[in-house]
C-alpha atoms as a PDB file:
ATOM      1  CA  MET A   1      -0.061  -3.089 -24.358  1.00  0.00           C
ATOM      2  CA  SER A   2      -2.662  -0.700 -25.037  1.00  0.00           C
ATOM      3  CA  ALA A   3      -5.728   1.044 -23.122  1.00  0.00           C
ATOM      4  CA  MET A   4      -8.798  -0.768 -22.987  1.00  0.00           C
ATOM      5  CA  ASP A   5     -11.571  -1.229 -20.883  1.00  0.00           C
ATOM      6  CA  LYS A   6     -12.642   1.186 -17.780  1.00  0.00           C
ATOM      7  CA  ILE A   7     -14.214  -0.500 -14.997  1.00  0.00           C
ATOM      8  CA  VAL A   8     -16.013   1.099 -11.876  1.00  0.00           C
ATOM      9  CA  TYR A   9     -16.450  -0.940  -8.740  1.00  0.00           C
ATOM     10  CA  ARG A  10     -18.247   0.257  -5.111  1.00  0.00           C
ATOM     11  CA  PRO A  11     -19.005  -2.599  -2.990  1.00  0.00           C
ATOM     12  CA  ALA A  12     -21.799  -2.860  -1.079  1.00  0.00           C
ATOM     13  CA  ARG A  13     -21.035  -3.341   2.910  1.00  0.00           C
ATOM     14  CA  ASP A  14     -21.376  -6.843   2.335  1.00  0.00           C
ATOM     15  CA  GLU A  15     -18.846  -7.304  -0.231  1.00  0.00           C
ATOM     16  CA  LEU A  16     -16.155  -5.870   1.656  1.00  0.00           C
ATOM     17  CA  ALA A  17     -12.997  -8.366   2.334  1.00  0.00           C
ATOM     18  CA  TYR A  18     -11.023  -8.918   5.282  1.00  0.00           C
ATOM     19  CA  THR A  19      -8.604 -11.148   3.691  1.00  0.00           C
ATOM     20  CA  PHE A  20      -6.071 -11.963   0.729  1.00  0.00           C
ATOM     21  CA  GLY A  21      -7.011 -15.222  -0.396  1.00  0.00           C
ATOM     22  CA  GLY A  22     -10.062 -17.545   0.258  1.00  0.00           C
ATOM     23  CA  ARG A  23     -12.628 -15.230  -1.723  1.00  0.00           C
ATOM     24  CA  ILE A  24     -14.353 -15.295  -5.231  1.00  0.00           C
ATOM     25  CA  PRO A  25     -13.512 -12.454  -7.366  1.00  0.00           C
ATOM     26  CA  VAL A  26     -15.896  -9.635  -7.439  1.00  0.00           C
ATOM     27  CA  ALA A  27     -14.820  -8.790 -11.354  1.00  0.00           C
ATOM     28  CA  HIS A  28     -12.789  -9.551 -14.046  1.00  0.00           C
ATOM     29  CA  LEU A  29      -9.987  -6.939 -15.841  1.00  0.00           C
ATOM     30  CA  ARG A  30      -7.429  -8.004 -18.558  1.00  0.00           C
ATOM     31  CA  SER A  31      -4.210  -6.326 -18.694  1.00  0.00           C
ATOM     32  CA  GLY A  32      -4.404  -2.635 -19.628  1.00  0.00           C
ATOM     33  CA  ASP A  33      -7.413  -2.624 -17.893  1.00  0.00           C
ATOM     34  CA  THR A  34      -8.121   0.836 -15.845  1.00  0.00           C
ATOM     35  CA  LEU A  35     -10.141   0.329 -12.545  1.00  0.00           C
ATOM     36  CA  GLN A  36     -11.664   2.540 -10.539  1.00  0.00           C
ATOM     37  CA  VAL A  37     -12.539   1.470  -7.185  1.00  0.00           C
ATOM     38  CA  PHE A  38     -14.075   2.587  -3.838  1.00  0.00           C
ATOM     39  CA  THR A  39     -12.419   1.531  -0.562  1.00  0.00           C
ATOM     40  CA  GLU A  40     -13.710   2.360   2.769  1.00  0.00           C
ATOM     41  CA  ASP A  41     -11.703   3.510   5.638  1.00  0.00           C
ATOM     42  CA  CYS A  42      -9.993   0.890   8.347  1.00  0.00           C
ATOM     43  CA  PHE A  43     -12.828   1.428  10.522  1.00  0.00           C
ATOM     44  CA  GLY A  44     -15.282   0.194   7.884  1.00  0.00           C
ATOM     45  CA  GLY A  45     -16.892   3.967   7.657  1.00  0.00           C
ATOM     46  CA  LEU A  46     -18.345   3.166  11.367  1.00  0.00           C
ATOM     47  CA  VAL A  47     -16.395   5.677  13.077  1.00  0.00           C
ATOM     48  CA  HIS A  48     -16.882   9.712  12.284  1.00  0.00           C
ATOM     49  CA  GLY A  49     -16.254  11.646  15.386  1.00  0.00           C
ATOM     50  CA  ARG A  50     -14.517  11.704  19.107  1.00  0.00           C
ATOM     51  CA  ALA A  51     -17.085  10.084  20.636  1.00  0.00           C
ATOM     52  CA  ASP A  52     -17.191   6.401  18.101  1.00  0.00           C
ATOM     53  CA  LEU A  53     -14.423   4.858  19.788  1.00  0.00           C
ATOM     54  CA  PRO A  54     -12.891   2.106  17.230  1.00  0.00           C
ATOM     55  CA  SER A  55     -13.698  -0.948  20.501  1.00  0.00           C
ATOM     56  CA  GLN A  56     -16.700   0.493  20.889  1.00  0.00           C
ATOM     57  CA  LYS A  57     -18.161   0.690  16.823  1.00  0.00           C
ATOM     58  CA  CYS A  58     -15.852  -1.847  15.437  1.00  0.00           C
ATOM     59  CA  ARG A  59     -15.557  -5.756  15.861  1.00  0.00           C
ATOM     60  CA  MET A  60     -12.790  -8.216  15.910  1.00  0.00           C
ATOM     61  CA  PRO A  61     -11.638  -9.139  12.931  1.00  0.00           C
ATOM     62  CA  TYR A  62     -13.854  -6.776  10.644  1.00  0.00           C
ATOM     63  CA  LEU A  63     -11.211  -4.291  10.671  1.00  0.00           C
ATOM     64  CA  ASN A  64      -9.060  -3.230   7.590  1.00  0.00           C
ATOM     65  CA  PRO A  65     -11.867  -4.063   4.485  1.00  0.00           C
ATOM     66  CA  VAL A  66     -10.366  -4.115   1.168  1.00  0.00           C
ATOM     67  CA  SER A  67     -12.638  -3.890  -2.295  1.00  0.00           C
ATOM     68  CA  GLY A  68     -12.075  -7.073  -4.353  1.00  0.00           C
ATOM     69  CA  PRO A  69     -10.730  -9.343  -5.392  1.00  0.00           C
ATOM     70  CA  PHE A  70     -10.297  -8.631  -9.230  1.00  0.00           C
ATOM     71  CA  PHE A  71      -9.294 -11.027 -11.214  1.00  0.00           C
ATOM     72  CA  VAL A  72      -6.737 -10.625 -13.814  1.00  0.00           C
ATOM     73  CA  GLU A  73      -7.126 -12.854 -17.253  1.00  0.00           C
ATOM     74  CA  ASP A  74      -4.055 -14.362 -18.237  1.00  0.00           C
ATOM     75  CA  ALA A  75      -1.839 -13.565 -14.551  1.00  0.00           C
ATOM     76  CA  GLU A  76      -0.489 -17.171 -13.508  1.00  0.00           C
ATOM     77  CA  PRO A  77       2.152 -18.238 -10.772  1.00  0.00           C
ATOM     78  CA  GLY A  78       5.109 -16.827 -11.802  1.00  0.00           C
ATOM     79  CA  ASP A  79       3.845 -14.128 -13.856  1.00  0.00           C
ATOM     80  CA  THR A  80       4.207 -10.133 -12.082  1.00  0.00           C
ATOM     81  CA  LEU A  81       1.374  -8.133 -11.684  1.00  0.00           C
ATOM     82  CA  ALA A  82       1.895  -4.417 -12.516  1.00  0.00           C
ATOM     83  CA  VAL A  83      -0.559  -2.065 -10.719  1.00  0.00           C
ATOM     84  CA  HIS A  84      -0.311   1.574 -11.746  1.00  0.00           C
ATOM     85  CA  ILE A  85      -1.601   4.088  -9.113  1.00  0.00           C
ATOM     86  CA  CYS A  86      -2.819   7.094 -11.536  1.00  0.00           C
ATOM     87  CA  ALA A  87      -5.251   8.735  -8.714  1.00  0.00           C
ATOM     88  CA  ILE A  88      -6.434   8.836  -5.141  1.00  0.00           C
ATOM     89  CA  VAL A  89      -9.143  11.008  -4.058  1.00  0.00           C
ATOM     90  CA  PRO A  90     -10.446  11.283  -0.707  1.00  0.00           C
ATOM     91  CA  ALA A  91     -14.270  10.119  -0.744  1.00  0.00           C
ATOM     92  CA  GLU A  92     -15.120  12.798   2.454  1.00  0.00           C
ATOM     93  CA  ASP A  93     -13.530  16.045   3.543  1.00  0.00           C
ATOM     94  CA  TRP A  94     -12.746  14.626   6.592  1.00  0.00           C
ATOM     95  CA  GLY A  95     -10.316  11.698   8.180  1.00  0.00           C
ATOM     96  CA  ILE A  96     -10.065   9.840  10.986  1.00  0.00           C
ATOM     97  CA  SER A  97      -6.989   8.690  13.626  1.00  0.00           C
ATOM     98  CA  THR A  98      -6.535   7.279  16.871  1.00  0.00           C
ATOM     99  CA  THR A  99      -4.719   6.040  19.755  1.00  0.00           C
ATOM    100  CA  PHE A 100      -5.904   2.360  20.754  1.00  0.00           C
ATOM    101  CA  PRO A 101      -4.815   0.390  24.072  1.00  0.00           C
ATOM    102  CA  HIS A 102      -2.206  -2.380  23.422  1.00  0.00           C
ATOM    103  CA  PHE A 103      -1.891  -0.840  19.990  1.00  0.00           C
ATOM    104  CA  GLY A 104       0.764   1.214  18.356  1.00  0.00           C
ATOM    105  CA  ALA A 105       4.900   1.077  18.307  1.00  0.00           C
ATOM    106  CA  LEU A 106       5.060   3.264  21.906  1.00  0.00           C
ATOM    107  CA  THR A 107       2.973   1.194  24.303  1.00  0.00           C
ATOM    108  CA  SER A 108       2.544  -2.454  25.394  1.00  0.00           C
ATOM    109  CA  THR A 109       1.940  -5.117  22.916  1.00  0.00           C
ATOM    110  CA  THR A 110       0.769  -8.559  22.808  1.00  0.00           C
ATOM    111  CA  HIS A 111       4.126  -9.096  21.368  1.00  0.00           C
ATOM    112  CA  THR A 112       6.073  -6.880  24.183  1.00  0.00           C
ATOM    113  CA  ALA A 113       4.233  -7.151  27.002  1.00  0.00           C
ATOM    114  CA  THR A 114       4.838  -4.795  30.041  1.00  0.00           C
ATOM    115  CA  LEU A 115       3.066  -4.022  33.201  1.00  0.00           C
ATOM    116  CA  GLN A 116       2.245  -0.832  32.204  1.00  0.00           C
ATOM    117  CA  PRO A 117      -1.325   0.661  31.817  1.00  0.00           C
ATOM    118  CA  PRO A 118      -2.728   0.617  28.171  1.00  0.00           C
ATOM    119  CA  LEU A 119      -2.808   3.987  26.241  1.00  0.00           C
ATOM    120  CA  GLU A 120      -6.234   6.007  26.468  1.00  0.00           C
ATOM    121  CA  GLU A 121      -8.259   5.259  23.330  1.00  0.00           C
ATOM    122  CA  ARG A 122      -8.879   8.536  21.824  1.00  0.00           C
ATOM    123  CA  VAL A 123      -9.974  10.181  18.228  1.00  0.00           C
ATOM    124  CA  TRP A 124      -8.582  12.523  15.980  1.00  0.00           C
ATOM    125  CA  VAL A 125     -10.457  14.537  13.129  1.00  0.00           C
ATOM    126  CA  TYR A 126      -8.643  15.924  10.514  1.00  0.00           C
ATOM    127  CA  ARG A 127     -10.654  18.258   8.004  1.00  0.00           C
ATOM    128  CA  ILE A 128      -9.517  17.537   4.482  1.00  0.00           C
ATOM    129  CA  ASP A 129      -9.662  20.534   1.831  1.00  0.00           C
ATOM    130  CA  ARG A 130      -9.252  18.697  -1.255  1.00  0.00           C
ATOM    131  CA  ARG A 131      -8.607  22.165  -3.311  1.00  0.00           C
ATOM    132  CA  ALA A 132      -6.480  24.135  -1.255  1.00  0.00           C
ATOM    133  CA  GLY A 133      -4.672  20.311  -0.483  1.00  0.00           C
ATOM    134  CA  THR A 134      -4.308  20.323   3.595  1.00  0.00           C
ATOM    135  CA  VAL A 135      -5.147  18.145   6.150  1.00  0.00           C
ATOM    136  CA  ARG A 136      -5.917  19.846   9.132  1.00  0.00           C
ATOM    137  CA  PHE A 137      -4.428  18.559  12.961  1.00  0.00           C
ATOM    138  CA  ALA A 138      -6.231  19.962  16.008  1.00  0.00           C
ATOM    139  CA  ALA A 139      -4.923  18.754  19.262  1.00  0.00           C
ATOM    140  CA  THR A 140      -7.768  17.270  21.333  1.00  0.00           C
ATOM    141  CA  ASP A 141      -6.253  19.003  24.951  1.00  0.00           C
ATOM    142  CA  SER A 142      -4.976  22.350  23.383  1.00  0.00           C
ATOM    143  CA  ASP A 143      -6.223  24.785  20.953  1.00  0.00           C
ATOM    144  CA  HIS A 144      -3.225  23.677  18.502  1.00  0.00           C
ATOM    145  CA  ARG A 145      -4.044  23.490  14.717  1.00  0.00           C
ATOM    146  CA  ILE A 146      -2.056  23.070  11.812  1.00  0.00           C
ATOM    147  CA  ASP A 147      -2.348  22.287   8.141  1.00  0.00           C
ATOM    148  CA  LEU A 148      -0.735  19.437   6.652  1.00  0.00           C
ATOM    149  CA  PRO A 149      -0.070  18.352   2.570  1.00  0.00           C
ATOM    150  CA  LEU A 150      -2.922  16.558   1.754  1.00  0.00           C
ATOM    151  CA  GLU A 151      -0.880  13.551   0.301  1.00  0.00           C
ATOM    152  CA  PRO A 152      -3.236  10.371  -0.212  1.00  0.00           C
ATOM    153  CA  MET A 153      -1.678   6.967  -0.445  1.00  0.00           C
ATOM    154  CA  ILE A 154      -3.192   3.029  -0.171  1.00  0.00           C
ATOM    155  CA  GLY A 155      -2.045   1.639   2.974  1.00  0.00           C
ATOM    156  CA  THR A 156      -3.323  -2.036   1.874  1.00  0.00           C
ATOM    157  CA  ILE A 157      -2.361  -3.585  -1.650  1.00  0.00           C
ATOM    158  CA  GLY A 158      -1.937  -7.175  -2.613  1.00  0.00           C
ATOM    159  CA  VAL A 159      -2.651 -10.234  -4.680  1.00  0.00           C
ATOM    160  CA  ALA A 160      -3.937 -14.015  -3.243  1.00  0.00           C
ATOM    161  CA  PRO A 161      -1.124 -15.913  -1.182  1.00  0.00           C
ATOM    162  CA  GLY A 162      -0.173 -19.424  -2.521  1.00  0.00           C
ATOM    163  CA  GLY A 163      -0.817 -22.860  -1.237  1.00  0.00           C
ATOM    164  CA  PHE A 164      -4.128 -21.952  -0.860  1.00  0.00           C
ATOM    165  CA  GLU A 165      -3.855 -19.507   1.865  1.00  0.00           C
ATOM    166  CA  ALA A 166      -5.941 -16.799   3.102  1.00  0.00           C
ATOM    167  CA  ARG A 167      -4.562 -13.996   4.759  1.00  0.00           C
ATOM    168  CA  SER A 168      -5.911 -11.252   7.012  1.00  0.00           C
ATOM    169  CA  SER A 169      -5.860  -7.906   5.801  1.00  0.00           C
ATOM    170  CA  ILE A 170      -3.754  -6.435   8.102  1.00  0.00           C
ATOM    171  CA  VAL A 171      -1.018  -8.439   7.955  1.00  0.00           C
ATOM    172  CA  PRO A 172       1.878  -7.770   5.251  1.00  0.00           C
ATOM    173  CA  ASP A 173       3.955  -9.780   3.395  1.00  0.00           C
ATOM    174  CA  THR A 174       5.321 -11.221   0.059  1.00  0.00           C
ATOM    175  CA  HIS A 175       1.792 -10.949  -1.497  1.00  0.00           C
ATOM    176  CA  GLY A 176       1.472  -7.343  -0.278  1.00  0.00           C
ATOM    177  CA  GLY A 177      -1.567  -6.835   1.958  1.00  0.00           C
ATOM    178  CA  ASN A 178      -0.646  -3.742   4.778  1.00  0.00           C
ATOM    179  CA  LEU A 179       2.042  -2.244   3.789  1.00  0.00           C
ATOM    180  CA  ASP A 180       1.328   1.082   4.772  1.00  0.00           C
ATOM    181  CA  THR A 181       3.750   2.992   3.232  1.00  0.00           C
ATOM    182  CA  PRO A 182       3.123   6.462   1.872  1.00  0.00           C
ATOM    183  CA  GLN A 183       5.360   5.680  -1.361  1.00  0.00           C
ATOM    184  CA  VAL A 184       2.049   3.569  -2.617  1.00  0.00           C
ATOM    185  CA  ARG A 185       0.738   6.874  -4.104  1.00  0.00           C
ATOM    186  CA  ALA A 186      -0.259   8.591  -7.500  1.00  0.00           C
ATOM    187  CA  GLY A 187       2.353   7.757  -9.790  1.00  0.00           C
ATOM    188  CA  THR A 188       3.808   4.596  -8.380  1.00  0.00           C
ATOM    189  CA  THR A 189       3.927   1.649 -10.473  1.00  0.00           C
ATOM    190  CA  VAL A 190       3.380  -1.423  -7.778  1.00  0.00           C
ATOM    191  CA  TYR A 191       4.772  -5.238  -8.988  1.00  0.00           C
ATOM    192  CA  LEU A 192       3.395  -8.110  -7.175  1.00  0.00           C
ATOM    193  CA  GLY A 193       4.413 -11.688  -7.735  1.00  0.00           C
ATOM    194  CA  VAL A 194       1.294 -13.875  -8.848  1.00  0.00           C
ATOM    195  CA  ASN A 195       1.073 -16.884  -6.850  1.00  0.00           C
ATOM    196  CA  VAL A 196      -2.769 -18.072  -8.116  1.00  0.00           C
ATOM    197  CA  HIS A 197      -4.649 -18.256 -11.541  1.00  0.00           C
ATOM    198  CA  GLY A 198      -5.954 -14.609 -12.039  1.00  0.00           C
ATOM    199  CA  ALA A 199      -3.909 -12.978  -9.179  1.00  0.00           C
ATOM    200  CA  MET A 200      -6.744 -11.803  -7.079  1.00  0.00           C
ATOM    201  CA  LEU A 201      -5.858  -8.414  -6.512  1.00  0.00           C
ATOM    202  CA  ALA A 202      -7.680  -6.313  -3.782  1.00  0.00           C
ATOM    203  CA  LEU A 203      -6.980  -2.891  -2.471  1.00  0.00           C
ATOM    204  CA  GLY A 204      -8.194  -0.311   0.468  1.00  0.00           C
ATOM    205  CA  ASP A 205      -7.219   1.258   3.804  1.00  0.00           C
ATOM    206  CA  ALA A 206      -6.426   4.440   2.477  1.00  0.00           C
ATOM    207  CA  HIS A 207      -4.757   7.480   4.185  1.00  0.00           C
ATOM    208  CA  ALA A 208      -4.866  11.064   3.504  1.00  0.00           C
ATOM    209  CA  ARG A 209      -1.301  11.016   5.077  1.00  0.00           C
ATOM    210  CA  GLN A 210       0.608   9.240   7.198  1.00  0.00           C
ATOM    211  CA  GLY A 211       4.180   9.402   8.561  1.00  0.00           C
ATOM    212  CA  GLU A 212       6.709   7.035   7.842  1.00  0.00           C
ATOM    213  CA  GLY A 213       6.644   4.412  10.673  1.00  0.00           C
ATOM    214  CA  GLU A 214       2.980   5.304  10.973  1.00  0.00           C
ATOM    215  CA  ALA A 215       4.085   5.161  15.064  1.00  0.00           C
ATOM    216  CA  CYS A 216       0.334   5.212  16.817  1.00  0.00           C
ATOM    217  CA  GLY A 217      -0.442   2.309  14.253  1.00  0.00           C
ATOM    218  CA  ALA A 218      -3.209   4.408  12.657  1.00  0.00           C
ATOM    219  CA  GLY A 219      -2.647   6.858   9.323  1.00  0.00           C
ATOM    220  CA  VAL A 220      -5.202   9.796   8.270  1.00  0.00           C
ATOM    221  CA  GLU A 221      -7.547   6.926   7.796  1.00  0.00           C
ATOM    222  CA  ILE A 222     -10.057   7.706   4.785  1.00  0.00           C
ATOM    223  CA  ALA A 223     -12.528   6.125   2.504  1.00  0.00           C
ATOM    224  CA  ALA A 224     -11.470   6.908  -1.062  1.00  0.00           C
ATOM    225  CA  THR A 225     -11.963   6.608  -4.861  1.00  0.00           C
ATOM    226  CA  THR A 226      -8.959   5.296  -6.438  1.00  0.00           C
ATOM    227  CA  THR A 227      -8.329   4.995 -10.079  1.00  0.00           C
ATOM    228  CA  LEU A 228      -5.525   2.333 -11.263  1.00  0.00           C
ATOM    229  CA  ILE A 229      -3.958   0.776 -14.841  1.00  0.00           C
ATOM    230  CA  VAL A 230      -3.066  -3.467 -14.467  1.00  0.00           C
ATOM    231  CA  ASP A 231      -0.751  -5.018 -16.302  1.00  0.00           C
ATOM    232  CA  VAL A 232       0.692  -8.809 -16.845  1.00  0.00           C
ATOM    233  CA  ILE A 233       4.573  -9.237 -16.863  1.00  0.00           C
ATOM    234  CA  LYS A 234       4.864 -12.956 -18.225  1.00  0.00           C
ATOM    235  CA  GLY A 235       7.142 -15.020 -16.973  1.00  0.00           C
ATOM    236  CA  GLU A 236       8.905 -12.633 -14.482  1.00  0.00           C
ATOM    237  CA  PRO A 237       8.453 -13.492 -11.078  1.00  0.00           C
ATOM    238  CA  THR A 238       8.748 -10.796  -8.357  1.00  0.00           C
ATOM    239  CA  PRO A 239       9.785 -12.650  -4.854  1.00  0.00           C
ATOM    240  CA  TRP A 240       8.189  -9.441  -2.401  1.00  0.00           C
ATOM    241  CA  PRO A 241       6.390  -6.491  -3.579  1.00  0.00           C
ATOM    242  CA  ARG A 242       8.365  -3.891  -5.452  1.00  0.00           C
ATOM    243  CA  LEU A 243       7.662  -0.410  -6.230  1.00  0.00           C
ATOM    244  CA  GLU A 244       8.568   1.991  -8.790  1.00  0.00           C
ATOM    245  CA  THR A 245       8.468   5.792  -9.496  1.00  0.00           C
ATOM    246  CA  ASP A 246       9.947   8.255 -12.184  1.00  0.00           C
ATOM    247  CA  THR A 247      12.981   8.590  -9.822  1.00  0.00           C
ATOM    248  CA  SER A 248      13.185   5.814  -7.433  1.00  0.00           C
ATOM    249  CA  ILE A 249      13.024   1.377  -7.410  1.00  0.00           C
ATOM    250  CA  MET A 250      12.441  -0.025  -3.996  1.00  0.00           C
ATOM    251  CA  SER A 251      11.843  -3.377  -2.458  1.00  0.00           C
ATOM    252  CA  VAL A 252       9.987  -3.924   0.315  1.00  0.00           C
ATOM    253  CA  GLY A 253      10.682  -6.626   2.893  1.00  0.00           C
ATOM    254  CA  CYS A 254       8.022  -7.573   5.543  1.00  0.00           C
ATOM    255  CA  ALA A 255       9.023  -9.707   9.004  1.00  0.00           C
ATOM    256  CA  ARG A 256       9.379  -9.122  12.690  1.00  0.00           C
ATOM    257  CA  PRO A 257      11.870  -7.778  14.165  1.00  0.00           C
ATOM    258  CA  LEU A 258      12.446  -4.956  12.193  1.00  0.00           C
ATOM    259  CA  GLU A 259      15.849  -5.506  11.390  1.00  0.00           C
ATOM    260  CA  ASP A 260      14.728  -8.865   9.468  1.00  0.00           C
ATOM    261  CA  ALA A 261      12.189  -6.691   7.313  1.00  0.00           C
ATOM    262  CA  TYR A 262      15.500  -4.600   6.749  1.00  0.00           C
ATOM    263  CA  ARG A 263      17.312  -7.258   5.461  1.00  0.00           C
ATOM    264  CA  ILE A 264      14.718  -8.944   3.270  1.00  0.00           C
ATOM    265  CA  ALA A 265      14.280  -5.250   1.126  1.00  0.00           C
ATOM    266  CA  HIS A 266      17.845  -4.745   0.642  1.00  0.00           C
ATOM    267  CA  HIS A 267      18.795  -8.728  -0.261  1.00  0.00           C
ATOM    268  CA  ASP A 268      16.055  -8.044  -2.649  1.00  0.00           C
ATOM    269  CA  LEU A 269      16.973  -4.351  -3.902  1.00  0.00           C
ATOM    270  CA  VAL A 270      20.906  -5.538  -3.975  1.00  0.00           C
ATOM    271  CA  GLY A 271      19.764  -8.570  -6.328  1.00  0.00           C
ATOM    272  CA  TRP A 272      17.580  -6.677  -8.130  1.00  0.00           C
ATOM    273  CA  THR A 273      19.903  -3.856  -9.267  1.00  0.00           C
ATOM    274  CA  SER A 274      22.643  -6.688 -10.013  1.00  0.00           C
ATOM    275  CA  ARG A 275      20.441  -8.166 -12.216  1.00  0.00           C
ATOM    276  CA  LEU A 276      19.361  -4.621 -13.868  1.00  0.00           C
ATOM    277  CA  THR A 277      22.623  -3.229 -14.556  1.00  0.00           C
ATOM    278  CA  GLY A 278      25.117  -6.577 -14.839  1.00  0.00           C
ATOM    279  CA  LEU A 279      26.995  -5.164 -11.930  1.00  0.00           C
ATOM    280  CA  HIS A 280      28.363  -8.060  -9.854  1.00  0.00           C
ATOM    281  CA  VAL A 281      26.438  -8.986  -6.820  1.00  0.00           C
ATOM    282  CA  LEU A 282      29.415  -7.570  -4.075  1.00  0.00           C
ATOM    283  CA  ASP A 283      29.620  -4.048  -6.729  1.00  0.00           C
ATOM    284  CA  ALA A 284      25.956  -3.848  -6.218  1.00  0.00           C
ATOM    285  CA  TYR A 285      26.035  -4.400  -2.415  1.00  0.00           C
ATOM    286  CA  GLN A 286      28.434  -2.055  -1.949  1.00  0.00           C
ATOM    287  CA  LEU A 287      27.016   0.465  -3.861  1.00  0.00           C
ATOM    288  CA  VAL A 288      23.143   0.154  -2.470  1.00  0.00           C
ATOM    289  CA  SER A 289      25.170   0.683   0.895  1.00  0.00           C
ATOM    290  CA  GLN A 290      26.232   3.796  -0.276  1.00  0.00           C
ATOM    291  CA  ILE A 291      23.254   5.589  -2.300  1.00  0.00           C
ATOM    292  CA  GLY A 292      20.397   3.563  -0.291  1.00  0.00           C
ATOM    293  CA  ARG A 293      17.443   4.821   1.550  1.00  0.00           C
ATOM    294  CA  ALA A 294      15.234   2.567   3.805  1.00  0.00           C
ATOM    295  CA  PRO A 295      12.050   4.365   4.372  1.00  0.00           C
ATOM    296  CA  ILE A 296       9.743   2.466   7.349  1.00  0.00           C
ATOM    297  CA  GLY A 297       6.155   1.302   5.987  1.00  0.00           C
ATOM    298  CA  ASN A 298       4.900   0.709   9.794  1.00  0.00           C
ATOM    299  CA  VAL A 299       6.096  -0.601  13.127  1.00  0.00           C
ATOM    300  CA  CYS A 300       2.948  -1.802  14.523  1.00  0.00           C
ATOM    301  CA  ASP A 301       1.553  -4.406  12.566  1.00  0.00           C
ATOM    302  CA  PRO A 302       1.719  -8.042  12.820  1.00  0.00           C
ATOM    303  CA  ASN A 303       4.612  -8.152  10.190  1.00  0.00           C
ATOM    304  CA  TYR A 304       6.867  -4.872  10.070  1.00  0.00           C
ATOM    305  CA  THR A 305       7.294  -3.105   6.413  1.00  0.00           C
ATOM    306  CA  VAL A 306      10.936  -1.709   5.594  1.00  0.00           C
ATOM    307  CA  LEU A 307      11.335  -0.667   1.986  1.00  0.00           C
ATOM    308  CA  ALA A 308      15.101  -0.323   0.678  1.00  0.00           C
ATOM    309  CA  ALA A 309      15.276   2.646  -2.256  1.00  0.00           C
ATOM    310  CA  ALA A 310      17.351   3.712  -4.768  1.00  0.00           C
ATOM    311  CA  ASP A 311      17.227   6.896  -6.936  1.00  0.00           C
ATOM    312  CA  LYS A 312      17.447   5.716 -10.593  1.00  0.00           C
ATOM    313  CA  ALA A 313      19.602   8.527 -11.735  1.00  0.00           C
ATOM    314  CA  LEU A 314      22.624   6.974  -9.403  1.00  0.00           C
ATOM    315  CA  LEU A 315      22.424   3.358 -11.117  1.00  0.00           C
ATOM    316  CA  PRO A 316      24.698   2.179 -14.102  1.00  0.00           C
ATOM    317  CA  ALA A 317      23.032   2.410 -17.387  1.00  0.00           C
ATOM    318  CA  ALA A 318      20.587  -0.520 -17.510  1.00  0.00           C
ATOM    319  CA  ALA A 319      17.731  -2.366 -18.559  1.00  0.00           C
ATOM    320  CA  ALA A 320      14.752  -0.665 -17.529  1.00  0.00           C
ATOM    321  CA  PRO A 321      12.677  -2.656 -14.479  1.00  0.00           C
ATOM    322  CA  TYR A 322      10.301  -5.058 -15.967  1.00  0.00           C
ATOM    323  CA  GLY A 323      10.456  -3.615 -19.875  1.00  0.00           C
ATOM    324  CA  GLU A 324       9.668   0.269 -19.310  1.00  0.00           C
ATOM    325  CA  THR A 325       6.406  -0.799 -17.657  1.00  0.00           C
ATOM    326  CA  HIS A 326       6.211   1.905 -15.499  1.00  0.00           C
ATOM    327  CA  ASP A 327       7.163   4.578 -17.866  1.00  0.00           C
ATOM    328  CA  ARG A 328       4.300   2.815 -20.456  1.00  0.00           C
ATOM    329  CA  LEU A 329       1.955   3.028 -17.903  1.00  0.00           C
ATOM    330  CA  ARG A 330       2.465   6.135 -16.736  1.00  0.00           C
ATOM    331  CA  GLN A 331       2.010   7.752 -20.369  1.00  0.00           C
ATOM    332  CA  LEU A 332      -0.670   6.140 -20.869  1.00  0.00           C
ATOM    333  CA  THR A 333      -2.425   7.547 -17.480  1.00  0.00           C
ATOM    334  CA  ALA A 334      -0.895  10.769 -18.889  1.00  0.00           C
ATOM    335  CA  ALA A 335      -2.848  10.464 -22.185  1.00  0.00           C
ATOM    336  CA  GLN A 336      -6.473   9.350 -20.272  1.00  0.00           C
ATOM    337  CA  GLN A 337      -6.217  12.142 -18.700  1.00  0.00           C
ATOM    338  CA  GLU A 338      -5.301  14.865 -21.461  1.00  0.00           C
ATOM    339  CA  GLY A 339      -8.667  12.748 -23.316  1.00  0.00           C
ATOM    340  CA  SER A 340     -10.815  13.391 -20.009  1.00  0.00           C
ATOM    341  CA  ARG A 341     -10.598  17.501 -20.295  1.00  0.00           C
END
């Protein structure tokens, strides 16, 4: 694979998508292409300050827009689409977070119905200093302020589901979607199983940062410009989304209840580890049990997200995941960045 074209895409408001599947492509990509894409925040750019309550500014189901889909040539069902995140740059010097009535991990919801009153709807505005690399939290009922590290991530990324389905961009599942894990950041390669001709990649819902679990249901929501490289891995299926960094491999599980998401992720990681290393599946299970980490993506979406992660250095000498795709895309990114200086 070698570097090919660079495509720049900025959607008009009426081009934003709210599903994976059921949409015609907005552009075509080839394996090796670089895409620079603008994405709106989860509120569609309609919430700017504390007085802008999402319940008044936004309308269901028009939440969590994604940019795309992008048709990737030669991607067919049974293949894997690798998406290497090169950079995520906040589009503004501010981000928004909120609490919602009947939404989030620590309140009554439609899935966990109680008689307690709903949470107050409230908006927090975070100031972003890209040069300093900080995101400023400011309490709404006191003078407390603190600068947190700016750690941009993509909350929602995926491909079209199979079986002629169209899934809301709020839902995470086997196709990807609203995974809401801070691990999808610059330097990470996302592996997505292809379900339809062209894969139909879409992404959005960037966060300036987010804690694991996204407890209140919102990260520091931002519009952003993301640069990524796509690569089609022929003939190798990926049953659930997977991630790779320079140091770790990670499997993603999405389900309710939370323990089923945990089981899915760890079942996939154990099997993946066994195939990569040649270990017997029970040896792989034992090793993952002792070295594994389980960062939580979200505990508030229609499905919850849990990751199963293992450090590569603690695994036996093994075949590189997906034929060293991550390393090749990382090197290509570094060469492009060097060439732009």
